[in-house]
Amino acid sequence: MNLFSRVKTWLGTDRLNVQQRFELLREAVHGTMSQFYMARDRKTGHVVGLKILDLEKTRAVEERFRGLNKPSEGEIAASLVHLRIVHTFEHGLTIRGEPYLVMEYLLGQGLNTMITAENPLLMGQRLTLLRQAAEAVGAVHEAGFIHRDICPRNFVVAPDAASLKLIDFGLSVPATAPFTHGGNRTGTPKYMAPEVVRRRPTDTRLDIFSLGVTAFELYAGETPWPTATVAGNAAMAHDTSPPRELTDLVPRIDPRLAAAIHRCLAPKPELRPATAAEFLKLIEEVDSELSGESQQEDK
């Protein structure tokens, strides 16, 4: 960064004036750590997604990595260019000092919403969506990161339910030490791997576990472990009691697919597929007509 750039940053003259740059078209969606807007970029006329992070909550998360030169959410998201990952065009700070990201605005809805509503559009599309979700997870890992919050909420499904994209890299970290040391207990409890819950060292296989929980829920409509427990303790059973059998809940599911999903749910990381590509290899011969896509109609 040259002297002129440093002065601009110090003065805040290169920071984003949200109201000046964007026409906010839709009320904010309030997330745990951010607000998300559908907005029109006055510079280009394009409709985009605008994510503005809560400054204090973001600082609290980043404080866990003080002195480690951790890339920001914007830096991580912008580095991930893949068909199954939301495209981030720009990131930086607002004039109020809040981190922001400008990304493609995705039409559709969260996979969690579709599962809860038993959306009929999922019929015949589950296997395709699962494969795409695994491709997205694999792309994150190949880029050198761990997502740390793989769950149905973070996959946006297109209106025709034929495709999806992975979003939200607010908890993502490089897949290297010291970011993989034990103690970073972040994520969504119902999808959290045992090593995260127990504050043990981690690696990319924690995302494989979460992908397995997501896949189980995609087919069964419910998660592998009962979730009547308090949310913060919901993951405590993930290495103390076995998951329910997917074939019991979805009798017509292809047994090869069920077995691959259960491998992802192994309490020990070394028993899971080592990579998303390995998981995809396990299910490459599963035919959609035999994978239980129609059993929800039969219930």
C-alpha atoms as a PDB file:
ATOM      1  CA  MET A   1       0.000   0.000   0.000  1.00  0.00           C
ATOM      2  CA  ASN A   2       1.518   3.366  -1.026  1.00  0.00           C
ATOM      3  CA  LEU A   3       1.465   6.541   1.057  1.00  0.00           C
ATOM      4  CA  PHE A   4      -1.538   7.972  -0.814  1.00  0.00           C
ATOM      5  CA  SER A   5      -3.545   4.788  -0.164  1.00  0.00           C
ATOM      6  CA  ARG A   6      -2.627   4.854   3.523  1.00  0.00           C
ATOM      7  CA  VAL A   7      -3.782   8.452   3.847  1.00  0.00           C
ATOM      8  CA  LYS A   8      -7.056   7.631   2.082  1.00  0.00           C
ATOM      9  CA  THR A   9      -7.680   4.706   4.426  1.00  0.00           C
ATOM     10  CA  TRP A  10      -6.830   6.786   7.519  1.00  0.00           C
ATOM     11  CA  LEU A  11      -9.184   9.555   6.400  1.00  0.00           C
ATOM     12  CA  GLY A  12     -11.862   7.067   5.405  1.00  0.00           C
ATOM     13  CA  THR A  13     -12.190   8.593   1.934  1.00  0.00           C
ATOM     14  CA  ASP A  14     -12.094   5.190   0.238  1.00  0.00           C
ATOM     15  CA  ARG A  15     -14.838   3.802   2.456  1.00  0.00           C
ATOM     16  CA  LEU A  16     -18.347   2.989   1.294  1.00  0.00           C
ATOM     17  CA  ASN A  17     -21.205   5.443   1.753  1.00  0.00           C
ATOM     18  CA  VAL A  18     -24.053   2.944   1.620  1.00  0.00           C
ATOM     19  CA  GLN A  19     -26.888   5.410   0.991  1.00  0.00           C
ATOM     20  CA  GLN A  20     -24.934   7.259  -1.685  1.00  0.00           C
ATOM     21  CA  ARG A  21     -23.855   4.141  -3.562  1.00  0.00           C
ATOM     22  CA  PHE A  22     -26.905   1.888  -3.212  1.00  0.00           C
ATOM     23  CA  GLU A  23     -30.669   2.064  -3.455  1.00  0.00           C
ATOM     24  CA  LEU A  24     -31.926  -0.384  -0.836  1.00  0.00           C
ATOM     25  CA  LEU A  25     -34.799  -2.295  -2.428  1.00  0.00           C
ATOM     26  CA  ARG A  26     -35.790  -4.643   0.334  1.00  0.00           C
ATOM     27  CA  GLU A  27     -35.810  -4.593   4.102  1.00  0.00           C
ATOM     28  CA  ALA A  28     -32.756  -6.058   5.734  1.00  0.00           C
ATOM     29  CA  VAL A  29     -32.617  -9.705   6.652  1.00  0.00           C
ATOM     30  CA  HIS A  30     -31.114  -9.787  10.118  1.00  0.00           C
ATOM     31  CA  GLY A  31     -28.551 -12.519  10.624  1.00  0.00           C
ATOM     32  CA  THR A  32     -26.618 -13.410  13.738  1.00  0.00           C
ATOM     33  CA  MET A  33     -23.760 -11.082  12.824  1.00  0.00           C
ATOM     34  CA  SER A  34     -24.987  -9.034   9.880  1.00  0.00           C
ATOM     35  CA  GLN A  35     -27.748  -7.383   7.898  1.00  0.00           C
ATOM     36  CA  PHE A  36     -28.414  -8.374   4.308  1.00  0.00           C
ATOM     37  CA  TYR A  37     -30.079  -6.163   1.708  1.00  0.00           C
ATOM     38  CA  MET A  38     -31.315  -6.525  -1.811  1.00  0.00           C
ATOM     39  CA  ALA A  39     -29.906  -3.344  -3.366  1.00  0.00           C
ATOM     40  CA  ARG A  40     -29.441  -1.569  -6.674  1.00  0.00           C
ATOM     41  CA  ASP A  41     -25.923  -0.345  -7.340  1.00  0.00           C
ATOM     42  CA  ARG A  42     -26.273   3.254  -8.538  1.00  0.00           C
ATOM     43  CA  LYS A  43     -22.920   2.942 -10.358  1.00  0.00           C
ATOM     44  CA  THR A  44     -23.923  -0.002 -12.542  1.00  0.00           C
ATOM     45  CA  GLY A  45     -27.705  -0.287 -12.220  1.00  0.00           C
ATOM     46  CA  HIS A  46     -27.305  -3.942 -11.241  1.00  0.00           C
ATOM     47  CA  VAL A  47     -29.264  -5.555  -8.431  1.00  0.00           C
ATOM     48  CA  VAL A  48     -26.871  -7.075  -5.904  1.00  0.00           C
ATOM     49  CA  GLY A  49     -26.763  -8.525  -2.430  1.00  0.00           C
ATOM     50  CA  LEU A  50     -25.279  -6.160   0.159  1.00  0.00           C
ATOM     51  CA  LYS A  51     -24.090  -7.667   3.437  1.00  0.00           C
ATOM     52  CA  ILE A  52     -23.109  -5.307   6.244  1.00  0.00           C
ATOM     53  CA  LEU A  53     -21.491  -6.921   9.259  1.00  0.00           C
ATOM     54  CA  ASP A  54     -22.190  -5.928  12.844  1.00  0.00           C
ATOM     55  CA  LEU A  55     -18.994  -4.194  13.891  1.00  0.00           C
ATOM     56  CA  GLU A  56     -18.920  -5.292  17.532  1.00  0.00           C
ATOM     57  CA  LYS A  57     -19.886  -8.912  16.873  1.00  0.00           C
ATOM     58  CA  THR A  58     -17.343  -9.164  14.075  1.00  0.00           C
ATOM     59  CA  ARG A  59     -14.637  -7.788  16.336  1.00  0.00           C
ATOM     60  CA  ALA A  60     -15.546 -10.347  19.004  1.00  0.00           C
ATOM     61  CA  VAL A  61     -15.058 -13.208  16.527  1.00  0.00           C
ATOM     62  CA  GLU A  62     -11.862 -11.768  15.094  1.00  0.00           C
ATOM     63  CA  GLU A  63     -10.478 -11.302  18.605  1.00  0.00           C
ATOM     64  CA  ARG A  64     -10.135 -15.077  18.833  1.00  0.00           C
ATOM     65  CA  PHE A  65      -7.471 -14.860  16.139  1.00  0.00           C
ATOM     66  CA  ARG A  66      -5.624 -11.769  17.290  1.00  0.00           C
ATOM     67  CA  GLY A  67      -2.084 -11.675  15.979  1.00  0.00           C
ATOM     68  CA  LEU A  68      -2.636 -14.501  13.475  1.00  0.00           C
ATOM     69  CA  ASN A  69      -3.203 -12.354  10.376  1.00  0.00           C
ATOM     70  CA  LYS A  70      -6.530 -14.033   9.675  1.00  0.00           C
ATOM     71  CA  PRO A  71      -8.129 -13.039   6.351  1.00  0.00           C
ATOM     72  CA  SER A  72     -11.462 -11.259   6.666  1.00  0.00           C
ATOM     73  CA  GLU A  73     -14.777 -12.737   5.564  1.00  0.00           C
ATOM     74  CA  GLY A  74     -14.649 -10.489   2.506  1.00  0.00           C
ATOM     75  CA  GLU A  75     -11.154 -11.613   1.560  1.00  0.00           C
ATOM     76  CA  ILE A  76     -12.095 -15.283   1.896  1.00  0.00           C
ATOM     77  CA  ALA A  77     -15.390 -14.927   0.018  1.00  0.00           C
ATOM     78  CA  ALA A  78     -13.831 -12.925  -2.826  1.00  0.00           C
ATOM     79  CA  SER A  79     -11.133 -15.559  -3.302  1.00  0.00           C
ATOM     80  CA  LEU A  80     -13.685 -18.333  -3.839  1.00  0.00           C
ATOM     81  CA  VAL A  81     -14.712 -18.392  -7.494  1.00  0.00           C
ATOM     82  CA  HIS A  82     -16.809 -21.461  -8.209  1.00  0.00           C
ATOM     83  CA  LEU A  83     -20.141 -22.237  -9.846  1.00  0.00           C
ATOM     84  CA  ARG A  84     -21.547 -23.547  -6.549  1.00  0.00           C
ATOM     85  CA  ILE A  85     -20.419 -20.635  -4.387  1.00  0.00           C
ATOM     86  CA  VAL A  86     -22.019 -17.190  -4.263  1.00  0.00           C
ATOM     87  CA  HIS A  87     -19.849 -14.733  -6.182  1.00  0.00           C
ATOM     88  CA  THR A  88     -18.474 -11.800  -4.165  1.00  0.00           C
ATOM     89  CA  PHE A  89     -17.704  -8.735  -6.270  1.00  0.00           C
ATOM     90  CA  GLU A  90     -16.335  -6.342  -3.692  1.00  0.00           C
ATOM     91  CA  HIS A  91     -15.582  -5.953  -0.005  1.00  0.00           C
ATOM     92  CA  GLY A  92     -14.280  -3.288   2.322  1.00  0.00           C
ATOM     93  CA  LEU A  93     -15.402  -0.927   5.074  1.00  0.00           C
ATOM     94  CA  THR A  94     -18.325   1.492   5.242  1.00  0.00           C
ATOM     95  CA  ILE A  95     -17.844   5.097   6.364  1.00  0.00           C
ATOM     96  CA  ARG A  96     -18.966   3.848   9.798  1.00  0.00           C
ATOM     97  CA  GLY A  97     -16.174   1.278   9.858  1.00  0.00           C
ATOM     98  CA  GLU A  98     -18.442  -1.728   9.289  1.00  0.00           C
ATOM     99  CA  PRO A  99     -17.134  -4.521   7.056  1.00  0.00           C
ATOM    100  CA  TYR A 100     -19.298  -5.023   3.974  1.00  0.00           C
ATOM    101  CA  LEU A 101     -19.539  -7.400   1.020  1.00  0.00           C
ATOM    102  CA  VAL A 102     -21.207  -6.861  -2.344  1.00  0.00           C
ATOM    103  CA  MET A 103     -22.237 -10.123  -3.966  1.00  0.00           C
ATOM    104  CA  GLU A 104     -24.553 -11.576  -6.558  1.00  0.00           C
ATOM    105  CA  TYR A 105     -28.168 -11.508  -5.446  1.00  0.00           C
ATOM    106  CA  LEU A 106     -29.422 -15.070  -5.411  1.00  0.00           C
ATOM    107  CA  LEU A 107     -33.021 -15.750  -6.320  1.00  0.00           C
ATOM    108  CA  GLY A 108     -34.549 -18.678  -4.466  1.00  0.00           C
ATOM    109  CA  GLN A 109     -34.687 -19.740  -0.851  1.00  0.00           C
ATOM    110  CA  GLY A 110     -32.647 -21.450   1.798  1.00  0.00           C
ATOM    111  CA  LEU A 111     -32.448 -25.232   1.703  1.00  0.00           C
ATOM    112  CA  ASN A 112     -33.552 -25.219   5.352  1.00  0.00           C
ATOM    113  CA  THR A 113     -36.811 -23.497   4.421  1.00  0.00           C
ATOM    114  CA  MET A 114     -37.480 -25.986   1.645  1.00  0.00           C
ATOM    115  CA  ILE A 115     -36.827 -28.957   3.917  1.00  0.00           C
ATOM    116  CA  THR A 116     -39.048 -27.616   6.707  1.00  0.00           C
ATOM    117  CA  ALA A 117     -41.861 -26.870   4.266  1.00  0.00           C
ATOM    118  CA  GLU A 118     -41.477 -30.277   2.558  1.00  0.00           C
ATOM    119  CA  ASN A 119     -41.343 -28.316  -0.661  1.00  0.00           C
ATOM    120  CA  PRO A 120     -42.497 -30.516  -3.565  1.00  0.00           C
ATOM    121  CA  LEU A 121     -39.833 -28.959  -5.800  1.00  0.00           C
ATOM    122  CA  LEU A 122     -37.276 -31.085  -3.946  1.00  0.00           C
ATOM    123  CA  MET A 123     -38.859 -34.196  -5.421  1.00  0.00           C
ATOM    124  CA  GLY A 124     -36.406 -35.701  -7.876  1.00  0.00           C
ATOM    125  CA  GLN A 125     -33.774 -33.045  -7.122  1.00  0.00           C
ATOM    126  CA  ARG A 126     -32.299 -34.132  -3.797  1.00  0.00           C
ATOM    127  CA  LEU A 127     -29.414 -36.147  -5.192  1.00  0.00           C
ATOM    128  CA  THR A 128     -28.470 -33.380  -7.617  1.00  0.00           C
ATOM    129  CA  LEU A 129     -28.525 -30.800  -4.840  1.00  0.00           C
ATOM    130  CA  LEU A 130     -26.499 -33.012  -2.513  1.00  0.00           C
ATOM    131  CA  ARG A 131     -23.816 -33.512  -5.149  1.00  0.00           C
ATOM    132  CA  GLN A 132     -23.677 -29.777  -5.785  1.00  0.00           C
ATOM    133  CA  ALA A 133     -23.408 -29.087  -2.050  1.00  0.00           C
ATOM    134  CA  ALA A 134     -20.476 -31.494  -1.837  1.00  0.00           C
ATOM    135  CA  GLU A 135     -18.838 -29.785  -4.831  1.00  0.00           C
ATOM    136  CA  ALA A 136     -19.157 -26.429  -3.048  1.00  0.00           C
ATOM    137  CA  VAL A 137     -17.618 -27.786   0.144  1.00  0.00           C
ATOM    138  CA  GLY A 138     -14.818 -29.361  -1.861  1.00  0.00           C
ATOM    139  CA  ALA A 139     -14.096 -26.052  -3.598  1.00  0.00           C
ATOM    140  CA  VAL A 140     -13.755 -24.288  -0.241  1.00  0.00           C
ATOM    141  CA  HIS A 141     -11.292 -26.934   0.945  1.00  0.00           C
ATOM    142  CA  GLU A 142      -9.299 -26.905  -2.292  1.00  0.00           C
ATOM    143  CA  ALA A 143      -8.913 -23.145  -1.874  1.00  0.00           C
ATOM    144  CA  GLY A 144      -7.340 -23.759   1.535  1.00  0.00           C
ATOM    145  CA  PHE A 145     -10.215 -22.899   3.875  1.00  0.00           C
ATOM    146  CA  ILE A 146     -12.631 -24.545   6.307  1.00  0.00           C
ATOM    147  CA  HIS A 147     -16.186 -23.192   6.107  1.00  0.00           C
ATOM    148  CA  ARG A 148     -17.136 -24.138   9.699  1.00  0.00           C
ATOM    149  CA  ASP A 149     -20.875 -23.555   9.259  1.00  0.00           C
ATOM    150  CA  ILE A 150     -22.109 -26.023   6.656  1.00  0.00           C
ATOM    151  CA  CYS A 151     -25.867 -26.418   7.210  1.00  0.00           C
ATOM    152  CA  PRO A 152     -29.042 -26.175   5.096  1.00  0.00           C
ATOM    153  CA  ARG A 153     -29.449 -22.481   5.968  1.00  0.00           C
ATOM    154  CA  ASN A 154     -26.224 -21.676   4.130  1.00  0.00           C
ATOM    155  CA  PHE A 155     -27.263 -23.179   0.814  1.00  0.00           C
ATOM    156  CA  VAL A 156     -29.524 -21.048  -1.383  1.00  0.00           C
ATOM    157  CA  VAL A 157     -31.580 -23.128  -3.820  1.00  0.00           C
ATOM    158  CA  ALA A 158     -32.586 -21.717  -7.198  1.00  0.00           C
ATOM    159  CA  PRO A 159     -36.322 -21.168  -7.875  1.00  0.00           C
ATOM    160  CA  ASP A 160     -36.554 -24.348  -9.980  1.00  0.00           C
ATOM    161  CA  ALA A 161     -34.669 -26.331  -7.290  1.00  0.00           C
ATOM    162  CA  ALA A 162     -32.230 -27.598  -9.916  1.00  0.00           C
ATOM    163  CA  SER A 163     -29.157 -25.943  -8.399  1.00  0.00           C
ATOM    164  CA  LEU A 164     -27.790 -24.330  -5.272  1.00  0.00           C
ATOM    165  CA  LYS A 165     -24.954 -22.130  -4.041  1.00  0.00           C
ATOM    166  CA  LEU A 166     -23.058 -21.990  -0.766  1.00  0.00           C
ATOM    167  CA  ILE A 167     -23.070 -18.701   1.159  1.00  0.00           C
ATOM    168  CA  ASP A 168     -21.796 -17.113   4.393  1.00  0.00           C
ATOM    169  CA  PHE A 169     -18.087 -17.287   5.178  1.00  0.00           C
ATOM    170  CA  GLY A 170     -18.311 -15.400   8.443  1.00  0.00           C
ATOM    171  CA  LEU A 171     -16.865 -18.287  10.466  1.00  0.00           C
ATOM    172  CA  SER A 172     -14.442 -19.541   7.816  1.00  0.00           C
ATOM    173  CA  VAL A 173     -10.729 -19.861   8.546  1.00  0.00           C
ATOM    174  CA  PRO A 174      -7.622 -21.039   6.720  1.00  0.00           C
ATOM    175  CA  ALA A 175      -7.162 -24.821   6.924  1.00  0.00           C
ATOM    176  CA  THR A 176      -3.762 -24.396   8.576  1.00  0.00           C
ATOM    177  CA  ALA A 177      -2.292 -24.188  12.050  1.00  0.00           C
ATOM    178  CA  PRO A 178      -2.866 -22.287  14.258  1.00  0.00           C
ATOM    179  CA  PHE A 179      -6.458 -21.908  12.992  1.00  0.00           C
ATOM    180  CA  THR A 180      -7.039 -25.650  13.399  1.00  0.00           C
ATOM    181  CA  HIS A 181      -5.916 -25.814  17.021  1.00  0.00           C
ATOM    182  CA  GLY A 182      -8.557 -26.901  19.525  1.00  0.00           C
ATOM    183  CA  GLY A 183     -10.758 -24.363  21.277  1.00  0.00           C
ATOM    184  CA  ASN A 184     -12.589 -22.586  18.452  1.00  0.00           C
ATOM    185  CA  ARG A 185     -16.106 -23.744  19.231  1.00  0.00           C
ATOM    186  CA  THR A 186     -18.105 -21.987  16.520  1.00  0.00           C
ATOM    187  CA  GLY A 187     -20.816 -23.186  14.168  1.00  0.00           C
ATOM    188  CA  THR A 188     -24.458 -24.247  14.280  1.00  0.00           C
ATOM    189  CA  PRO A 189     -24.874 -26.804  17.112  1.00  0.00           C
ATOM    190  CA  LYS A 190     -27.097 -29.337  15.306  1.00  0.00           C
ATOM    191  CA  TYR A 191     -24.504 -29.658  12.529  1.00  0.00           C
ATOM    192  CA  MET A 192     -21.349 -29.385  14.632  1.00  0.00           C
ATOM    193  CA  ALA A 193     -18.700 -32.101  14.522  1.00  0.00           C
ATOM    194  CA  PRO A 194     -17.703 -33.761  17.816  1.00  0.00           C
ATOM    195  CA  GLU A 195     -14.143 -32.443  17.650  1.00  0.00           C
ATOM    196  CA  VAL A 196     -15.515 -28.899  17.530  1.00  0.00           C
ATOM    197  CA  VAL A 197     -17.866 -29.513  20.449  1.00  0.00           C
ATOM    198  CA  ARG A 198     -15.038 -31.023  22.517  1.00  0.00           C
ATOM    199  CA  ARG A 199     -12.615 -28.221  21.553  1.00  0.00           C
ATOM    200  CA  ARG A 200     -10.161 -30.643  19.945  1.00  0.00           C
ATOM    201  CA  PRO A 201      -7.897 -29.931  16.952  1.00  0.00           C
ATOM    202  CA  THR A 202      -9.833 -29.766  13.694  1.00  0.00           C
ATOM    203  CA  ASP A 203      -9.379 -29.962   9.936  1.00  0.00           C
ATOM    204  CA  THR A 204     -11.575 -29.873   6.842  1.00  0.00           C
ATOM    205  CA  ARG A 205     -13.318 -33.072   7.925  1.00  0.00           C
ATOM    206  CA  LEU A 206     -15.441 -31.064  10.343  1.00  0.00           C
ATOM    207  CA  ASP A 207     -17.222 -29.714   7.237  1.00  0.00           C
ATOM    208  CA  ILE A 208     -17.662 -33.292   5.973  1.00  0.00           C
ATOM    209  CA  PHE A 209     -19.502 -34.134   9.199  1.00  0.00           C
ATOM    210  CA  SER A 210     -21.759 -31.101   8.794  1.00  0.00           C
ATOM    211  CA  LEU A 211     -22.385 -32.040   5.164  1.00  0.00           C
ATOM    212  CA  GLY A 212     -23.479 -35.481   6.376  1.00  0.00           C
ATOM    213  CA  VAL A 213     -25.979 -33.982   8.827  1.00  0.00           C
ATOM    214  CA  THR A 214     -27.265 -31.717   6.055  1.00  0.00           C
ATOM    215  CA  ALA A 215     -27.625 -34.685   3.677  1.00  0.00           C
ATOM    216  CA  PHE A 216     -29.442 -36.742   6.313  1.00  0.00           C
ATOM    217  CA  GLU A 217     -31.890 -33.899   6.906  1.00  0.00           C
ATOM    218  CA  LEU A 218     -32.360 -33.360   3.178  1.00  0.00           C
ATOM    219  CA  TYR A 219     -33.662 -36.916   2.824  1.00  0.00           C
ATOM    220  CA  ALA A 220     -35.319 -37.561   6.182  1.00  0.00           C
ATOM    221  CA  GLY A 221     -36.662 -34.100   6.954  1.00  0.00           C
ATOM    222  CA  GLU A 222     -35.033 -34.252  10.385  1.00  0.00           C
ATOM    223  CA  THR A 223     -31.535 -34.423  11.803  1.00  0.00           C
ATOM    224  CA  PRO A 224     -29.748 -37.651  12.840  1.00  0.00           C
ATOM    225  CA  TRP A 225     -29.971 -36.915  16.574  1.00  0.00           C
ATOM    226  CA  PRO A 226     -33.058 -35.776  18.512  1.00  0.00           C
ATOM    227  CA  THR A 227     -32.939 -32.016  18.961  1.00  0.00           C
ATOM    228  CA  ALA A 228     -35.095 -31.544  22.031  1.00  0.00           C
ATOM    229  CA  THR A 229     -32.003 -30.530  23.977  1.00  0.00           C
ATOM    230  CA  VAL A 230     -31.110 -26.894  24.563  1.00  0.00           C
ATOM    231  CA  ALA A 231     -29.648 -25.480  21.346  1.00  0.00           C
ATOM    232  CA  GLY A 232     -26.193 -24.857  22.753  1.00  0.00           C
ATOM    233  CA  ASN A 233     -25.959 -28.460  23.970  1.00  0.00           C
ATOM    234  CA  ALA A 234     -27.537 -30.053  20.896  1.00  0.00           C
ATOM    235  CA  ALA A 235     -24.195 -31.331  19.603  1.00  0.00           C
ATOM    236  CA  MET A 236     -23.111 -33.055  22.812  1.00  0.00           C
ATOM    237  CA  ALA A 237     -24.662 -36.342  21.660  1.00  0.00           C
ATOM    238  CA  HIS A 238     -22.736 -36.442  18.396  1.00  0.00           C
ATOM    239  CA  ASP A 239     -20.010 -38.639  19.844  1.00  0.00           C
ATOM    240  CA  THR A 240     -21.843 -40.236  22.762  1.00  0.00           C
ATOM    241  CA  SER A 241     -24.814 -41.842  21.014  1.00  0.00           C
ATOM    242  CA  PRO A 242     -25.197 -43.233  17.493  1.00  0.00           C
ATOM    243  CA  PRO A 243     -27.299 -41.382  14.920  1.00  0.00           C
ATOM    244  CA  ARG A 244     -30.643 -42.787  13.895  1.00  0.00           C
ATOM    245  CA  GLU A 245     -30.529 -45.044  10.859  1.00  0.00           C
ATOM    246  CA  LEU A 246     -31.438 -43.163   7.714  1.00  0.00           C
ATOM    247  CA  THR A 247     -32.890 -46.329   6.184  1.00  0.00           C
ATOM    248  CA  ASP A 248     -35.339 -46.574   9.107  1.00  0.00           C
ATOM    249  CA  LEU A 249     -36.653 -43.094   8.384  1.00  0.00           C
ATOM    250  CA  VAL A 250     -36.442 -43.363   4.584  1.00  0.00           C
ATOM    251  CA  PRO A 251     -36.828 -47.077   3.733  1.00  0.00           C
ATOM    252  CA  ARG A 252     -36.548 -46.645  -0.036  1.00  0.00           C
ATOM    253  CA  ILE A 253     -33.301 -44.720  -0.045  1.00  0.00           C
ATOM    254  CA  ASP A 254     -30.491 -46.342  -1.985  1.00  0.00           C
ATOM    255  CA  PRO A 255     -28.433 -48.172   0.669  1.00  0.00           C
ATOM    256  CA  ARG A 256     -25.184 -46.973  -0.916  1.00  0.00           C
ATOM    257  CA  LEU A 257     -26.277 -43.381  -0.459  1.00  0.00           C
ATOM    258  CA  ALA A 258     -27.382 -44.017   3.130  1.00  0.00           C
ATOM    259  CA  ALA A 259     -24.060 -45.697   3.918  1.00  0.00           C
ATOM    260  CA  ALA A 260     -22.073 -42.787   2.438  1.00  0.00           C
ATOM    261  CA  ILE A 261     -24.051 -40.263   4.487  1.00  0.00           C
ATOM    262  CA  HIS A 262     -23.512 -42.301   7.660  1.00  0.00           C
ATOM    263  CA  ARG A 263     -19.777 -42.400   6.970  1.00  0.00           C
ATOM    264  CA  CYS A 264     -19.787 -38.608   7.103  1.00  0.00           C
ATOM    265  CA  LEU A 265     -21.397 -38.827  10.548  1.00  0.00           C
ATOM    266  CA  ALA A 266     -18.609 -40.922  12.068  1.00  0.00           C
ATOM    267  CA  PRO A 267     -17.567 -39.457  15.444  1.00  0.00           C
ATOM    268  CA  LYS A 268     -13.876 -39.903  14.613  1.00  0.00           C
ATOM    269  CA  PRO A 269     -12.645 -37.751  11.703  1.00  0.00           C
ATOM    270  CA  GLU A 270     -10.403 -40.525  10.370  1.00  0.00           C
ATOM    271  CA  LEU A 271     -13.486 -42.694   9.742  1.00  0.00           C
ATOM    272  CA  ARG A 272     -15.194 -40.087   7.569  1.00  0.00           C
ATOM    273  CA  PRO A 273     -14.522 -39.526   3.875  1.00  0.00           C
ATOM    274  CA  ALA A 274     -11.283 -37.569   3.843  1.00  0.00           C
ATOM    275  CA  THR A 275     -12.540 -35.126   1.223  1.00  0.00           C
ATOM    276  CA  ALA A 276     -15.741 -34.046  -0.485  1.00  0.00           C
ATOM    277  CA  ALA A 277     -14.393 -35.700  -3.639  1.00  0.00           C
ATOM    278  CA  GLU A 278     -14.168 -39.009  -1.773  1.00  0.00           C
ATOM    279  CA  PHE A 279     -17.784 -38.634  -0.655  1.00  0.00           C
ATOM    280  CA  LEU A 280     -18.829 -37.937  -4.236  1.00  0.00           C
ATOM    281  CA  LYS A 281     -16.936 -41.029  -5.337  1.00  0.00           C
ATOM    282  CA  LEU A 282     -18.947 -43.108  -2.862  1.00  0.00           C
ATOM    283  CA  ILE A 283     -22.222 -42.010  -4.440  1.00  0.00           C
ATOM    284  CA  GLU A 284     -21.205 -41.652  -8.094  1.00  0.00           C
ATOM    285  CA  GLU A 285     -23.052 -44.814  -9.125  1.00  0.00           C
ATOM    286  CA  VAL A 286     -26.208 -43.967  -7.196  1.00  0.00           C
ATOM    287  CA  ASP A 287     -29.010 -43.372  -9.674  1.00  0.00           C
ATOM    288  CA  SER A 288     -31.518 -40.669  -8.810  1.00  0.00           C
ATOM    289  CA  GLU A 289     -34.405 -43.008  -9.597  1.00  0.00           C
ATOM    290  CA  LEU A 290     -33.184 -45.387  -6.930  1.00  0.00           C
ATOM    291  CA  SER A 291     -32.039 -42.886  -4.328  1.00  0.00           C
ATOM    292  CA  GLY A 292     -35.317 -42.347  -2.544  1.00  0.00           C
ATOM    293  CA  GLU A 293     -36.338 -39.175  -4.347  1.00  0.00           C
ATOM    294  CA  SER A 294     -40.000 -40.185  -4.348  1.00  0.00           C
ATOM    295  CA  GLN A 295     -40.382 -41.687  -0.912  1.00  0.00           C
ATOM    296  CA  GLN A 296     -41.657 -38.449   0.615  1.00  0.00           C
ATOM    297  CA  GLU A 297     -44.747 -38.868  -1.609  1.00  0.00           C
ATOM    298  CA  ASP A 298     -45.232 -42.351  -0.232  1.00  0.00           C
ATOM    299  CA  LYS A 299     -45.195 -41.382   3.447  1.00  0.00           C
END
